[in-house]
Amino acid sequence: MLRVEGILLPNPSKLEVGEFDISKAKRTASGLMVMDIITTKKRIDVEWHMITDDELAQILYAVKLRRPFFSVQFPFAGGTQTITCYLGDRQLGLWHTRNGVRYWENVKMAFIER
């Protein structure tokens, strides 16, 4: 479902793809707003509600492999899409140990297109 640098990551609990415009805007002397859309970029917000320590290590390894920019393949309209990204915000929730295995809650990461 989600690959970073060709490495298949654990299935996320949540994956949201957003698009945003990069624009150049200014106001004319009369106050009218004028704007040029330069390009459109994607942001992929991913969340894992509960993952093992090993799965977290796999995710962190994949995103650090080719920092600052790396490829991300994700499901998108009509199949999959691959883009070059950098790692934005990331959050790690509480961890718990069950039967000797450490689990992490609410791990969140944002992949932002270059």
C-alpha atoms as a PDB file:
ATOM      1  CA  MET A   1       0.000   0.000   0.000  1.00  0.00           C
ATOM      2  CA  LEU A   2       2.711   2.521   1.002  1.00  0.00           C
ATOM      3  CA  ARG A   3       6.360   2.283  -0.062  1.00  0.00           C
ATOM      4  CA  VAL A   4       9.286   4.528   0.817  1.00  0.00           C
ATOM      5  CA  GLU A   5      12.390   4.024  -1.321  1.00  0.00           C
ATOM      6  CA  GLY A   6      10.824   0.756  -2.492  1.00  0.00           C
ATOM      7  CA  ILE A   7      10.450  -0.553   1.069  1.00  0.00           C
ATOM      8  CA  LEU A   8       6.910  -1.696   1.858  1.00  0.00           C
ATOM      9  CA  LEU A   9       5.828  -0.069   5.116  1.00  0.00           C
ATOM     10  CA  PRO A  10       3.357  -1.591   7.575  1.00  0.00           C
ATOM     11  CA  ASN A  11      -0.223  -0.882   6.517  1.00  0.00           C
ATOM     12  CA  PRO A  12      -1.239   2.466   7.975  1.00  0.00           C
ATOM     13  CA  SER A  13      -4.432   2.917   9.972  1.00  0.00           C
ATOM     14  CA  LYS A  14      -5.052   6.177   8.139  1.00  0.00           C
ATOM     15  CA  LEU A  15      -3.687   7.695   4.933  1.00  0.00           C
ATOM     16  CA  GLU A  16      -4.821  11.062   3.608  1.00  0.00           C
ATOM     17  CA  VAL A  17      -3.573  12.635   0.379  1.00  0.00           C
ATOM     18  CA  GLY A  18      -3.972  16.386   0.052  1.00  0.00           C
ATOM     19  CA  GLU A  19      -3.055  18.701  -2.771  1.00  0.00           C
ATOM     20  CA  PHE A  20      -2.109  22.337  -2.475  1.00  0.00           C
ATOM     21  CA  ASP A  21      -1.206  25.035  -4.956  1.00  0.00           C
ATOM     22  CA  ILE A  22       2.069  26.915  -4.968  1.00  0.00           C
ATOM     23  CA  SER A  23       1.183  30.407  -6.095  1.00  0.00           C
ATOM     24  CA  LYS A  24       2.553  33.879  -6.575  1.00  0.00           C
ATOM     25  CA  ALA A  25       0.021  36.523  -5.540  1.00  0.00           C
ATOM     26  CA  LYS A  26       0.028  40.283  -5.252  1.00  0.00           C
ATOM     27  CA  ARG A  27      -2.357  43.204  -5.311  1.00  0.00           C
ATOM     28  CA  THR A  28      -2.491  45.807  -8.037  1.00  0.00           C
ATOM     29  CA  ALA A  29      -2.501  49.547  -7.329  1.00  0.00           C
ATOM     30  CA  SER A  30      -6.317  49.419  -7.349  1.00  0.00           C
ATOM     31  CA  GLY A  31      -6.327  46.663  -4.728  1.00  0.00           C
ATOM     32  CA  LEU A  32      -7.319  43.838  -7.091  1.00  0.00           C
ATOM     33  CA  MET A  33      -5.736  40.480  -6.219  1.00  0.00           C
ATOM     34  CA  VAL A  34      -3.838  38.825  -9.060  1.00  0.00           C
ATOM     35  CA  MET A  35      -2.402  35.339  -8.780  1.00  0.00           C
ATOM     36  CA  ASP A  36      -0.367  32.885 -10.813  1.00  0.00           C
ATOM     37  CA  ILE A  37      -0.564  29.191  -9.968  1.00  0.00           C
ATOM     38  CA  ILE A  38       2.992  27.919 -10.312  1.00  0.00           C
ATOM     39  CA  THR A  39       2.377  24.240  -9.583  1.00  0.00           C
ATOM     40  CA  THR A  40       0.379  21.808  -7.473  1.00  0.00           C
ATOM     41  CA  LYS A  41       2.051  19.611  -4.833  1.00  0.00           C
ATOM     42  CA  LYS A  42       0.874  16.723  -2.654  1.00  0.00           C
ATOM     43  CA  ARG A  43       1.037  16.082   1.074  1.00  0.00           C
ATOM     44  CA  ILE A  44       0.505  12.568   2.423  1.00  0.00           C
ATOM     45  CA  ASP A  45      -0.493  12.321   6.075  1.00  0.00           C
ATOM     46  CA  VAL A  46      -0.024   8.814   7.443  1.00  0.00           C
ATOM     47  CA  GLU A  47      -0.975   7.390  10.828  1.00  0.00           C
ATOM     48  CA  TRP A  48      -0.437   4.043  12.510  1.00  0.00           C
ATOM     49  CA  HIS A  49      -2.652   3.588  15.580  1.00  0.00           C
ATOM     50  CA  MET A  50      -0.561   0.742  17.054  1.00  0.00           C
ATOM     51  CA  ILE A  51       2.725  -0.650  15.696  1.00  0.00           C
ATOM     52  CA  THR A  52       5.541  -2.720  17.128  1.00  0.00           C
ATOM     53  CA  ASP A  53       8.990  -1.368  17.900  1.00  0.00           C
ATOM     54  CA  ASP A  54      10.355  -3.341  14.913  1.00  0.00           C
ATOM     55  CA  GLU A  55       7.761  -1.816  12.571  1.00  0.00           C
ATOM     56  CA  LEU A  56       8.617   1.673  13.801  1.00  0.00           C
ATOM     57  CA  ALA A  57      12.317   0.978  13.260  1.00  0.00           C
ATOM     58  CA  GLN A  58      11.517  -0.169   9.687  1.00  0.00           C
ATOM     59  CA  ILE A  59       9.604   3.052   8.973  1.00  0.00           C
ATOM     60  CA  LEU A  60      12.328   5.266  10.431  1.00  0.00           C
ATOM     61  CA  TYR A  61      15.013   3.378   8.485  1.00  0.00           C
ATOM     62  CA  ALA A  62      13.113   3.850   5.209  1.00  0.00           C
ATOM     63  CA  VAL A  63      12.626   7.605   5.622  1.00  0.00           C
ATOM     64  CA  LYS A  64      16.248   8.176   6.714  1.00  0.00           C
ATOM     65  CA  LEU A  65      17.734   6.049   3.926  1.00  0.00           C
ATOM     66  CA  ARG A  66      18.022   8.880   1.395  1.00  0.00           C
ATOM     67  CA  ARG A  67      17.253  12.035   3.373  1.00  0.00           C
ATOM     68  CA  PRO A  68      16.465  14.782   2.776  1.00  0.00           C
ATOM     69  CA  PHE A  69      14.483  13.624  -0.294  1.00  0.00           C
ATOM     70  CA  PHE A  70      13.092  10.156  -0.976  1.00  0.00           C
ATOM     71  CA  SER A  71      10.491   8.443  -3.150  1.00  0.00           C
ATOM     72  CA  VAL A  72       7.044   7.566  -1.829  1.00  0.00           C
ATOM     73  CA  GLN A  73       4.602   5.293  -3.649  1.00  0.00           C
ATOM     74  CA  PHE A  74       1.004   5.482  -2.472  1.00  0.00           C
ATOM     75  CA  PRO A  75      -2.510   4.594  -3.619  1.00  0.00           C
ATOM     76  CA  PHE A  76      -4.101   7.299  -5.735  1.00  0.00           C
ATOM     77  CA  ALA A  77      -6.912   7.661  -8.243  1.00  0.00           C
ATOM     78  CA  GLY A  78      -6.470   5.051 -10.966  1.00  0.00           C
ATOM     79  CA  GLY A  79      -3.846   2.965  -9.121  1.00  0.00           C
ATOM     80  CA  THR A  80      -0.675   4.199  -7.481  1.00  0.00           C
ATOM     81  CA  GLN A  81       1.521   7.253  -7.782  1.00  0.00           C
ATOM     82  CA  THR A  82       5.169   7.867  -6.913  1.00  0.00           C
ATOM     83  CA  ILE A  83       6.483  11.263  -5.870  1.00  0.00           C
ATOM     84  CA  THR A  84       9.682  12.636  -4.376  1.00  0.00           C
ATOM     85  CA  CYS A  85       9.127  13.916  -0.830  1.00  0.00           C
ATOM     86  CA  TYR A  86      10.726  15.159   2.318  1.00  0.00           C
ATOM     87  CA  LEU A  87       9.656  14.249   5.814  1.00  0.00           C
ATOM     88  CA  GLY A  88       7.501  16.877   7.500  1.00  0.00           C
ATOM     89  CA  ASP A  89       5.998  16.683  10.961  1.00  0.00           C
ATOM     90  CA  ARG A  90       6.249  13.385  12.819  1.00  0.00           C
ATOM     91  CA  GLN A  91       4.824  12.368  16.148  1.00  0.00           C
ATOM     92  CA  LEU A  92       5.223   9.301  18.321  1.00  0.00           C
ATOM     93  CA  GLY A  93       2.594   8.585  20.945  1.00  0.00           C
ATOM     94  CA  LEU A  94       2.947   6.565  24.114  1.00  0.00           C
ATOM     95  CA  TRP A  95       4.568   3.151  24.049  1.00  0.00           C
ATOM     96  CA  HIS A  96       3.415   0.056  25.872  1.00  0.00           C
ATOM     97  CA  THR A  97       5.009  -3.321  26.473  1.00  0.00           C
ATOM     98  CA  ARG A  98       2.908  -6.460  26.080  1.00  0.00           C
ATOM     99  CA  ASN A  99       4.373  -9.945  26.377  1.00  0.00           C
ATOM    100  CA  GLY A 100       7.849  -8.479  26.076  1.00  0.00           C
ATOM    101  CA  VAL A 101       7.071  -6.573  22.843  1.00  0.00           C
ATOM    102  CA  ARG A 102       7.038  -2.769  22.766  1.00  0.00           C
ATOM    103  CA  TYR A 103       4.142  -1.130  20.874  1.00  0.00           C
ATOM    104  CA  TRP A 104       3.841   2.518  19.849  1.00  0.00           C
ATOM    105  CA  GLU A 105       0.533   4.383  19.712  1.00  0.00           C
ATOM    106  CA  ASN A 106      -0.547   7.024  17.232  1.00  0.00           C
ATOM    107  CA  VAL A 107       2.590   7.312  15.120  1.00  0.00           C
ATOM    108  CA  LYS A 108       2.030  10.117  12.588  1.00  0.00           C
ATOM    109  CA  MET A 109       4.148  11.362   9.686  1.00  0.00           C
ATOM    110  CA  ALA A 110       3.694  13.841   6.874  1.00  0.00           C
ATOM    111  CA  PHE A 111       5.337  13.292   3.499  1.00  0.00           C
ATOM    112  CA  ILE A 112       5.477  16.550   1.532  1.00  0.00           C
ATOM    113  CA  GLU A 113       6.211  16.628  -2.177  1.00  0.00           C
ATOM    114  CA  ARG A 114       9.459  18.302  -3.171  1.00  0.00           C
END
